[in-house]
Structures are given as C-alpha cells and as structure tokens.
C-alpha cells in the first residue's frame, strides 16, 4: 500500500511538473511581419523591433533615414543603421533618435552614403534576438535588456573597422 501511494504521489508530482512548463511561444514570432509598407499602401506599418515586454527602449535595423517615420521597409535591400527607438508607428515619427552603424575599410559619416547591402536570407528577426550579415561580411547581433540592449558587431579579419554613432534631433 505504501509503495502504491508513493508511486501515485511521484506520478502526480512528475505530471504536474511537466504541465507547469511553459511552451516557447517566441519561436513563432516573426518581427518582419508587417514591415512591407509604403506610404501609398500600408501593410502593418511595423518595424522589426528587438525588445523585452514593456522594455524602456526598442532596437531595430533601419532602412530609412534618421528621424524618418519609415524606419524599416522590407522591400529595401540596404540597411543604414541600427537604431534605438521610441516610435510606435511610421505615422508618429520618433524623437531623440540615434543609430549605430559598423563599417570597414573607409569611414563614411554621412548616413545617405553609408548604407550596406544585405539579403533577408541572412537576417533573423525575433523579439529577443536580431541578426544580419551584410554582403561585406560584417555581422550585427542585438539582444534586448530591460533598459537597453547588448549589441555585437563582428568585422571581417584584416579590415580597418569603424563604428559610427549618428544622432538626429535633440537629446
């Protein structure tokens, strides 16, 4: 009798531990969804934000100019920065914008001249992780924290490397 009760108790305890585990639902989220918008036809007006729930800041790659409402448009094939953002929609614009951008070989400060080509095949966009590898072999990775993000720029060996910080508007 004691052994049967012990087995029953162990089975209940083991079963309750299995059902208490939460599924990893973030694996189903694609933050690129809703980014293929234009002024003429919007399909979501979103950008691929990397952030914690209720985080202080969000981070995103940008295909548009600093301060432009269109941070990221899926149909574009060049990124010009990685931006700390407050914007909730392309219609609201943003404030106190700054972006970071990795470069190799030559320092280019003008944001209109420094964009780099990428392919969506070399891009991972999740709420908890963003990664892109440019055609010039620079890789950028972003993981959010409560008040910011961890950002890693990996440069190809043997190249002169730069990191540009661009700010637009007033801080």
Foldseek 3Di string as FASTA:
>chain_A
DVVVVVVVVVVVVVVVVVVPDDDPPLVVDALCQQQQQDPVGGRNQGFLWAEDVVAQWTKGFAPDDQQQLNRGHPVDFWTLFIKTFDDPGSVPTTAFIKTKDKDWADDDADSVPRIFGFDVVQWGGTNQKTWGATPQGWIWMWGYDRHGIDIDIDHDPPIHMDMYMGTDHDD
